[in-house]
Amino acid sequence: MKILVVGGGGREHAIIKKIKENQKVEKIFALPGNGGIAADATCVDIKATDIPRVKEFAIKEQVDFAVVAPDDPLVLGMVDELEGAGIPCFGPNKRAAIIEGSKAFSKDLMREYNIPTAKYQIFDDFKKASEYLSDNSTPIVIKADGLALGKGVIIAENHEEAMNALKTIMKDKAFGDSGNRVVIEEFLEGPEVSVLTFTDGKTIVPMVSSMDHKRALDGDRGPNTGGMGVIAPNPYYTDDIAKKAMNEIFIPTLEAMNSIDRPFKGCLYFGLMITKDGPKVIEYNCRFGDPEAQAVLPLLESDLLEIMMDVRDEKLDPSKVKFSDDSTCCLVLASKGYPKAYEKGFPITWNDEEADNIFVAGAKLEDGHLVTNGGRVLGITERGTNLKEAIDKAYKTAQNINFDNKYYRNDIGHKALKVLGEVE
């Protein structure tokens, strides 16, 4: 089989490595891929959002199955175009991908179908949004309506921060047209949980829960990033919470999308907050989270490609989706200065025996050598029979990977270890 994976980050590298385990796979194309992915797939320099060129390439190469991984091409309708050209795809169509493409849409969906979430208001007028902020207490959350590389959410601790956030999004256009409309919502308190799910529109199968670490600095300080590390499973996500989430959030979301003729097929991501009133939805994503996929997919014992094909064909069978009971820690190695200004072009070295545990995100090949080419350079995923073992192994591996301006948080998983009573 010839497989095409659209995207070029750590998430895509994790997907490709897992798909490679299928014996029927002869060739994998990554569009555009990156310097690290090139070790596991044939990288083709076509942007993930260039739908006409991706479609042309898929037809020319007679691709048997395509995986559209990033949010942008999904929201733009790449699955619709590929399927229309006779290329079977994993991923939601444009009508379903709006669940991530517009936060206003998803919030209204939750309100209409009584899915637990934070109270909110939607504004496309800066003055009215400013007045609303003045009349409400802080902390408060301001979100750009559209896609913003995972950085379009600002938690304001006071009114000055709130007004600055609103100006940044709506006036300064920090996230472009994604900030033409904003969602302002109440600040929820409690531990966060990420749950990726496979769904064919009828059946929904949760993957192992995980805990992302969004802030750039230790102690959950500094600006929001695309994610500095993930542990799985998340100890806050108990069996009781999982049952509530399934009955009150997952199934109702699937049914809500079906009822408005937007059936969702693919990976539906639930960002949850475990409040004193139970789990509530912070956000939906229409695809595998990144770096969550780098922590969760290595625990998948079933064949990922077979699951993806079953999802596409609406034949998803929960009994065929098995995960290990082990724990994982994905530690992101970034360029110092990320998510703001940082330098690129530094050579990356590591021991060859560690390559299986490395998912490359921001790197390119220069004269046959891998060099840094992004804010998040790579993710190290180690596993263990318990969380502490996985975390210790990840940090040990990090010492053996070298590039100038290497930066990573030193407390990934620390909060989870405290919950488990393994550290004070």
Protein backbone atom coordinates (compact mmCIF):
# COMPACT_ATOMS: atom_id res chain seq x y z
CA MET A 1 0.00 0.00 0.00
CA LYS A 2 1.04 3.58 -0.66
CA ILE A 3 0.17 5.93 2.23
CA LEU A 4 0.17 9.73 2.20
CA VAL A 5 0.45 11.67 5.48
CA VAL A 6 -0.25 15.39 5.26
CA GLY A 7 1.76 17.49 7.73
CA GLY A 8 5.30 17.98 8.89
CA GLY A 9 5.62 17.99 12.68
CA GLY A 10 6.18 15.69 15.64
CA ARG A 11 2.58 14.47 15.52
CA GLU A 12 2.99 13.39 11.92
CA HIS A 13 6.28 11.65 12.75
CA ALA A 14 4.50 9.68 15.50
CA ILE A 15 1.69 8.73 13.09
CA ILE A 16 4.15 7.66 10.39
CA LYS A 17 6.23 5.51 12.74
CA LYS A 18 3.07 3.75 13.91
CA ILE A 19 1.72 3.24 10.38
CA LYS A 20 5.07 1.73 9.35
CA GLU A 21 4.32 -1.22 11.66
CA ASN A 22 1.68 -2.43 9.18
CA GLN A 23 3.26 -5.10 6.95
CA LYS A 24 1.15 -4.09 3.93
CA VAL A 25 2.67 -0.60 3.79
CA GLU A 26 5.20 -0.34 0.97
CA LYS A 27 5.73 3.41 0.87
CA ILE A 28 4.80 6.45 2.94
CA PHE A 29 4.82 9.98 1.54
CA ALA A 30 4.95 12.93 3.95
CA LEU A 31 3.78 16.31 2.60
CA PRO A 32 5.82 18.29 3.44
CA GLY A 33 7.43 16.22 6.22
CA ASN A 34 10.71 17.43 7.73
CA GLY A 35 14.37 16.49 8.02
CA GLY A 36 13.72 13.93 10.75
CA ILE A 37 10.64 12.40 9.14
CA ALA A 38 12.81 11.81 6.04
CA ALA A 39 14.33 8.82 7.85
CA ASP A 40 10.91 7.10 7.90
CA ALA A 41 9.08 8.43 4.83
CA THR A 42 9.59 10.09 1.46
CA CYS A 43 9.20 13.82 2.06
CA VAL A 44 7.72 15.95 -0.72
CA ASP A 45 7.96 19.73 -0.55
CA ILE A 46 4.26 20.52 -0.83
CA LYS A 47 2.63 22.67 1.85
CA ALA A 48 0.02 20.94 4.00
CA THR A 49 -2.51 23.61 3.05
CA ASP A 50 -1.89 23.43 -0.72
CA ILE A 51 -4.98 21.35 -1.46
CA PRO A 52 -4.73 21.39 -5.30
CA ARG A 53 -1.08 20.23 -5.30
CA VAL A 54 -1.66 17.59 -2.60
CA LYS A 55 -4.60 16.21 -4.58
CA GLU A 56 -2.61 16.25 -7.83
CA PHE A 57 0.27 14.40 -6.14
CA ALA A 58 -2.02 11.80 -4.56
CA ILE A 59 -3.67 11.03 -7.90
CA LYS A 60 -0.35 10.89 -9.77
CA GLU A 61 1.23 8.52 -7.24
CA GLN A 62 -1.95 6.41 -7.00
CA VAL A 63 -2.02 6.72 -3.22
CA ASP A 64 -4.14 4.03 -1.53
CA PHE A 65 -4.94 5.91 1.68
CA ALA A 66 -4.32 9.42 3.01
CA VAL A 67 -4.09 10.72 6.58
CA VAL A 68 -4.75 14.46 6.91
CA ALA A 69 -3.25 15.31 10.30
CA PRO A 70 -3.10 19.12 10.86
CA ASP A 71 -6.06 21.37 11.62
CA ASP A 72 -5.62 23.89 8.78
CA PRO A 73 -6.06 21.53 5.81
CA LEU A 74 -8.92 19.73 7.58
CA VAL A 75 -10.79 22.99 8.19
CA LEU A 76 -10.09 24.06 4.58
CA GLY A 77 -11.70 20.85 3.28
CA MET A 78 -8.76 18.72 2.11
CA VAL A 79 -10.56 15.47 3.00
CA ASP A 80 -13.51 16.48 0.81
CA GLU A 81 -11.19 17.14 -2.13
CA LEU A 82 -9.19 13.92 -1.77
CA GLU A 83 -12.25 11.76 -1.25
CA GLY A 84 -13.84 13.43 -4.28
CA ALA A 85 -10.79 12.36 -6.29
CA GLY A 86 -11.18 8.75 -5.14
CA ILE A 87 -8.49 8.83 -2.40
CA PRO A 88 -9.80 7.27 0.86
CA CYS A 89 -8.94 9.48 3.87
CA PHE A 90 -8.67 9.47 7.63
CA GLY A 91 -9.91 12.78 8.98
CA PRO A 92 -13.14 14.77 9.18
CA ASN A 93 -14.61 16.58 6.20
CA LYS A 94 -14.94 20.37 6.14
CA ARG A 95 -18.45 20.40 7.66
CA ALA A 96 -17.27 18.38 10.67
CA ALA A 97 -13.86 20.07 11.09
CA ILE A 98 -15.64 23.32 11.98
CA ILE A 99 -15.86 21.91 15.51
CA GLU A 100 -12.26 23.15 15.85
CA GLY A 101 -12.28 25.72 13.08
CA SER A 102 -14.71 27.97 14.98
CA LYS A 103 -14.76 28.18 18.77
CA ALA A 104 -18.01 30.13 18.50
CA PHE A 105 -19.57 27.22 16.62
CA SER A 106 -18.41 24.65 19.18
CA LYS A 107 -19.55 26.73 22.16
CA ASP A 108 -22.98 27.24 20.62
CA LEU A 109 -23.17 23.50 19.89
CA MET A 110 -22.44 22.69 23.53
CA ARG A 111 -25.01 25.17 24.79
CA GLU A 112 -27.67 23.88 22.38
CA TYR A 113 -27.11 20.22 23.33
CA ASN A 114 -26.42 20.69 27.07
CA ILE A 115 -22.80 19.54 26.92
CA PRO A 116 -20.95 20.81 30.04
CA THR A 117 -18.66 23.77 29.32
CA ALA A 118 -17.75 27.20 30.67
CA LYS A 119 -20.28 30.07 30.46
CA TYR A 120 -19.41 32.39 27.59
CA GLN A 121 -20.30 35.24 25.25
CA ILE A 122 -19.26 35.81 21.62
CA PHE A 123 -18.23 39.23 20.23
CA ASP A 124 -17.21 40.62 16.86
CA ASP A 125 -17.25 44.21 18.14
CA PHE A 126 -14.23 45.41 20.15
CA LYS A 127 -16.18 48.06 22.10
CA LYS A 128 -18.89 45.63 23.22
CA ALA A 129 -16.29 43.03 24.16
CA SER A 130 -14.43 45.68 26.22
CA GLU A 131 -17.62 46.63 28.06
CA TYR A 132 -18.33 42.97 28.81
CA LEU A 133 -14.83 42.53 30.26
CA SER A 134 -15.29 45.61 32.46
CA ASP A 135 -18.49 44.16 33.88
CA ASN A 136 -17.02 40.74 34.73
CA SER A 137 -14.56 39.49 37.31
CA THR A 138 -11.13 38.00 36.63
CA PRO A 139 -9.46 35.64 35.94
CA ILE A 140 -11.24 35.40 32.60
CA VAL A 141 -10.45 33.60 29.34
CA ILE A 142 -10.29 35.29 25.91
CA LYS A 143 -10.16 33.08 22.82
CA ALA A 144 -9.68 33.90 19.15
CA ASP A 145 -12.55 32.26 17.29
CA GLY A 146 -10.48 30.63 14.54
CA LEU A 147 -7.31 28.56 14.31
CA ALA A 148 -4.20 30.05 15.93
CA LEU A 149 -1.55 27.30 16.10
CA GLY A 150 -2.75 26.34 19.58
CA LYS A 151 -1.84 29.79 20.93
CA GLY A 152 -5.11 31.71 20.51
CA VAL A 153 -6.24 31.32 24.12
CA ILE A 154 -5.25 33.92 26.73
CA ILE A 155 -6.00 33.60 30.44
CA ALA A 156 -6.14 37.11 31.89
CA GLU A 157 -5.46 37.39 35.63
CA ASN A 158 -6.75 40.98 35.90
CA HIS A 159 -8.68 43.57 33.87
CA GLU A 160 -5.54 45.18 32.46
CA GLU A 161 -4.34 41.82 31.11
CA ALA A 162 -7.83 41.14 29.76
CA MET A 163 -7.95 44.41 27.83
CA ASN A 164 -4.43 43.86 26.50
CA ALA A 165 -5.42 40.36 25.36
CA LEU A 166 -8.50 41.67 23.61
CA LYS A 167 -6.45 44.37 21.86
CA THR A 168 -3.80 41.81 20.84
CA ILE A 169 -6.43 39.54 19.27
CA MET A 170 -8.95 41.98 17.79
CA LYS A 171 -6.96 45.15 17.07
CA ASP A 172 -3.35 44.01 16.56
CA LYS A 173 -4.52 40.89 14.69
CA ALA A 174 -1.89 38.70 16.35
CA PHE A 175 -3.74 35.67 14.95
CA GLY A 176 -4.92 37.29 11.72
CA ASP A 177 -8.55 36.89 10.73
CA SER A 178 -8.95 34.19 13.40
CA GLY A 179 -9.32 37.10 15.83
CA ASN A 180 -12.14 38.89 14.01
CA ARG A 181 -14.44 37.25 16.52
CA VAL A 182 -13.67 36.33 20.13
CA VAL A 183 -15.16 34.04 22.71
CA ILE A 184 -14.95 35.36 26.26
CA GLU A 185 -15.64 32.74 28.88
CA GLU A 186 -15.53 32.11 32.59
CA PHE A 187 -12.32 30.76 34.08
CA LEU A 188 -12.74 27.13 35.14
CA GLU A 189 -10.68 25.65 37.93
CA GLY A 190 -9.39 22.11 38.20
CA PRO A 191 -6.90 19.75 36.55
CA GLU A 192 -6.85 19.56 32.76
CA VAL A 193 -7.13 16.29 30.84
CA SER A 194 -6.67 15.59 27.13
CA VAL A 195 -8.59 12.65 25.66
CA LEU A 196 -8.08 11.69 22.03
CA THR A 197 -10.77 9.45 20.54
CA PHE A 198 -11.30 7.42 17.40
CA THR A 199 -14.80 7.81 15.98
CA ASP A 200 -16.51 6.72 12.77
CA GLY A 201 -19.52 8.93 13.45
CA LYS A 202 -21.45 6.12 15.16
CA THR A 203 -18.99 4.52 17.58
CA ILE A 204 -16.48 6.41 19.72
CA VAL A 205 -13.41 4.79 21.32
CA PRO A 206 -11.27 6.84 23.74
CA MET A 207 -7.51 6.49 23.68
CA VAL A 208 -5.32 6.69 26.77
CA SER A 209 -5.81 9.99 28.61
CA SER A 210 -2.93 12.44 28.82
CA MET A 211 -1.74 15.63 30.52
CA ASP A 212 -0.28 18.40 28.38
CA HIS A 213 2.04 21.14 29.71
CA LYS A 214 1.27 24.28 27.71
CA ARG A 215 3.27 26.98 29.48
CA ALA A 216 6.84 27.63 28.38
CA LEU A 217 8.46 27.72 31.81
CA ASP A 218 8.70 25.47 34.87
CA GLY A 219 5.86 25.75 37.35
CA ASP A 220 3.35 26.43 34.56
CA ARG A 221 4.67 29.96 34.10
CA GLY A 222 5.40 31.97 30.98
CA PRO A 223 3.47 32.23 27.71
CA ASN A 224 1.31 29.50 26.20
CA THR A 225 3.06 27.27 23.67
CA GLY A 226 1.95 24.45 21.40
CA GLY A 227 2.93 22.13 24.26
CA MET A 228 6.20 21.50 26.13
CA GLY A 229 5.54 17.90 27.14
CA VAL A 230 2.92 15.27 27.85
CA ILE A 231 2.46 12.33 30.20
CA ALA A 232 0.04 9.46 29.74
CA PRO A 233 -2.13 8.25 31.31
CA ASN A 234 -3.41 11.24 33.30
CA PRO A 235 -3.91 10.26 36.98
CA TYR A 236 -6.74 12.79 37.39
CA TYR A 237 -8.78 10.91 34.79
CA THR A 238 -10.30 8.23 37.04
CA ASP A 239 -12.70 5.50 35.91
CA ASP A 240 -15.62 7.46 37.38
CA ILE A 241 -14.60 10.64 35.53
CA ALA A 242 -14.16 8.62 32.32
CA LYS A 243 -17.71 7.25 32.59
CA LYS A 244 -19.14 10.73 33.16
CA ALA A 245 -17.16 12.11 30.23
CA MET A 246 -18.38 9.33 27.96
CA ASN A 247 -22.05 9.72 28.92
CA GLU A 248 -22.23 13.51 29.32
CA ILE A 249 -19.69 14.72 26.75
CA PHE A 250 -18.34 12.23 24.19
CA ILE A 251 -21.55 10.50 23.08
CA PRO A 252 -23.64 13.72 23.26
CA THR A 253 -21.06 15.52 21.07
CA LEU A 254 -21.19 12.76 18.47
CA GLU A 255 -25.00 12.78 18.53
CA ALA A 256 -25.10 16.59 18.33
CA MET A 257 -22.90 16.63 15.22
CA ASN A 258 -25.03 13.92 13.61
CA SER A 259 -28.24 15.79 14.39
CA ILE A 260 -27.07 18.88 12.49
CA ASP A 261 -25.82 16.83 9.53
CA ARG A 262 -22.12 17.26 10.36
CA PRO A 263 -21.13 13.65 11.19
CA PHE A 264 -17.57 13.47 12.50
CA LYS A 265 -15.19 10.73 11.36
CA GLY A 266 -11.55 10.77 12.44
CA CYS A 267 -9.76 11.68 15.65
CA LEU A 268 -11.91 13.88 17.88
CA TYR A 269 -9.90 15.50 20.68
CA PHE A 270 -11.53 16.56 23.93
CA GLY A 271 -9.75 19.10 26.13
CA LEU A 272 -11.41 18.71 29.51
CA MET A 273 -11.31 20.49 32.87
CA ILE A 274 -12.17 18.34 35.89
CA THR A 275 -14.16 20.87 37.95
CA LYS A 276 -15.91 20.38 41.29
CA ASP A 277 -19.08 19.89 39.20
CA GLY A 278 -17.50 17.21 37.04
CA PRO A 279 -15.73 17.25 33.65
CA LYS A 280 -16.38 20.20 31.33
CA VAL A 281 -15.16 20.85 27.78
CA ILE A 282 -12.47 23.49 27.37
CA GLU A 283 -12.00 22.84 23.66
CA TYR A 284 -12.48 20.41 20.82
CA ASN A 285 -9.81 19.59 18.24
CA CYS A 286 -10.64 17.87 14.96
CA ARG A 287 -7.38 15.89 14.91
CA PHE A 288 -4.64 14.26 17.00
CA GLY A 289 -3.20 16.70 19.51
CA ASP A 290 0.46 17.60 19.27
CA PRO A 291 2.40 16.63 21.34
CA GLU A 292 -0.32 14.40 22.90
CA ALA A 293 -0.14 12.00 19.94
CA GLN A 294 3.56 11.52 20.67
CA ALA A 295 2.75 10.20 24.15
CA VAL A 296 -0.43 8.26 23.33
CA LEU A 297 0.29 6.50 20.02
CA PRO A 298 3.37 4.62 21.33
CA LEU A 299 0.99 2.91 23.81
CA LEU A 300 -1.30 1.69 21.03
CA GLU A 301 -0.90 -2.07 20.63
CA SER A 302 -3.36 -2.39 17.73
CA ASP A 303 -2.65 -1.59 14.09
CA LEU A 304 -3.14 2.16 13.62
CA LEU A 305 -3.65 1.98 9.85
CA GLU A 306 -6.34 -0.70 10.20
CA ILE A 307 -8.15 1.42 12.80
CA MET A 308 -7.95 4.46 10.52
CA MET A 309 -9.37 2.50 7.59
CA ASP A 310 -12.17 1.13 9.79
CA VAL A 311 -13.00 4.69 10.91
CA ARG A 312 -13.20 5.82 7.30
CA ASP A 313 -15.42 2.84 6.37
CA GLU A 314 -17.64 3.30 9.48
CA LYS A 315 -16.63 -0.11 10.81
CA LEU A 316 -14.88 0.94 14.03
CA ASP A 317 -14.80 -1.99 16.48
CA PRO A 318 -13.85 -1.12 20.10
CA SER A 319 -12.55 -4.67 20.65
CA LYS A 320 -9.86 -4.05 18.02
CA VAL A 321 -8.44 -0.97 19.78
CA LYS A 322 -5.98 -2.03 22.49
CA PHE A 323 -3.57 0.07 24.55
CA SER A 324 -0.71 -0.92 26.84
CA ASP A 325 -0.99 -0.40 30.59
CA ASP A 326 2.46 1.24 30.56
CA SER A 327 3.07 4.96 31.07
CA THR A 328 4.81 7.39 28.74
CA CYS A 329 6.48 10.77 29.01
CA CYS A 330 7.01 12.97 25.96
CA LEU A 331 9.55 15.70 26.68
CA VAL A 332 9.73 18.49 24.10
CA LEU A 333 13.17 19.93 23.32
CA ALA A 334 12.71 23.46 22.04
CA SER A 335 14.82 26.35 20.81
CA LYS A 336 15.56 28.84 23.57
CA GLY A 337 13.18 31.79 23.24
CA TYR A 338 10.22 29.74 21.96
CA PRO A 339 7.33 30.61 21.57
CA LYS A 340 8.69 34.08 20.82
CA ALA A 341 11.97 34.83 18.98
CA TYR A 342 14.54 32.06 18.58
CA GLU A 343 17.50 31.19 16.35
CA LYS A 344 17.61 28.33 13.83
CA GLY A 345 20.22 26.33 11.94
CA PHE A 346 22.07 24.55 14.75
CA PRO A 347 23.26 20.94 14.12
CA ILE A 348 21.41 18.22 16.09
CA THR A 349 23.15 15.08 17.31
CA TRP A 350 21.91 12.00 19.18
CA ASN A 351 22.80 8.35 19.69
CA ASP A 352 21.40 6.15 16.93
CA GLU A 353 19.95 3.67 19.43
CA GLU A 354 17.63 6.42 20.70
CA ALA A 355 16.14 7.22 17.28
CA ASP A 356 13.02 5.07 17.83
CA ASN A 357 12.05 7.28 20.76
CA ILE A 358 12.48 10.61 18.95
CA PHE A 359 9.75 12.42 17.01
CA VAL A 360 11.15 15.31 14.99
CA ALA A 361 9.10 18.51 14.67
CA GLY A 362 11.22 21.54 13.74
CA ALA A 363 14.31 20.36 11.88
CA LYS A 364 15.58 20.17 8.31
CA LEU A 365 18.40 18.48 6.44
CA GLU A 366 21.36 20.66 5.42
CA ASP A 367 24.16 18.92 3.54
CA GLY A 368 22.95 15.62 4.95
CA HIS A 369 22.92 16.86 8.56
CA LEU A 370 19.89 17.57 10.70
CA VAL A 371 19.68 21.19 11.92
CA THR A 372 17.11 23.06 14.01
CA ASN A 373 14.38 24.75 12.00
CA GLY A 374 11.59 25.57 14.47
CA GLY A 375 10.55 26.46 17.99
CA ARG A 376 9.70 22.95 19.07
CA VAL A 377 12.57 20.93 17.65
CA LEU A 378 11.71 17.39 18.72
CA GLY A 379 9.90 15.25 21.26
CA ILE A 380 11.44 12.42 23.24
CA THR A 381 8.95 9.74 24.25
CA GLU A 382 10.01 7.14 26.77
CA ARG A 383 7.81 4.51 28.39
CA GLY A 384 7.93 2.61 31.65
CA THR A 385 5.86 0.29 33.79
CA ASN A 386 5.09 3.37 35.88
CA LEU A 387 5.11 7.11 35.26
CA LYS A 388 8.25 7.88 37.26
CA GLU A 389 10.25 5.37 35.24
CA ALA A 390 9.04 6.91 31.96
CA ILE A 391 9.85 10.46 33.13
CA ASP A 392 13.32 9.52 34.41
CA LYS A 393 14.14 7.81 31.11
CA ALA A 394 12.95 10.81 29.06
CA TYR A 395 15.15 13.24 30.97
CA LYS A 396 18.11 10.88 30.75
CA THR A 397 17.68 10.65 26.96
CA ALA A 398 17.46 14.45 26.76
CA GLN A 399 21.02 14.67 28.08
CA ASN A 400 22.24 12.70 25.05
CA ILE A 401 20.61 14.95 22.46
CA ASN A 402 22.55 18.06 21.65
CA PHE A 403 22.02 21.31 19.75
CA ASP A 404 22.86 24.92 20.57
CA ASN A 405 20.16 26.84 22.47
CA LYS A 406 18.48 23.59 23.56
CA TYR A 407 15.72 24.28 26.07
CA TYR A 408 13.19 22.13 27.92
CA ARG A 409 11.09 22.27 31.04
CA ASN A 410 12.42 20.39 34.04
CA ASP A 411 9.06 19.54 35.61
CA ILE A 412 7.10 17.61 32.98
CA GLY A 413 4.92 15.12 34.84
CA HIS A 414 5.81 16.49 38.28
CA LYS A 415 2.21 17.42 39.06
CA ALA A 416 1.05 13.93 38.08
CA LEU A 417 3.69 12.31 40.28
CA LYS A 418 2.41 14.37 43.22
CA VAL A 419 -1.12 13.08 42.60
CA LEU A 420 0.26 9.52 42.57
CA GLY A 421 2.16 10.21 45.80
CA GLU A 422 5.54 9.51 44.17
CA VAL A 423 7.04 12.92 44.99
CA GLU A 424 6.31 15.47 47.70
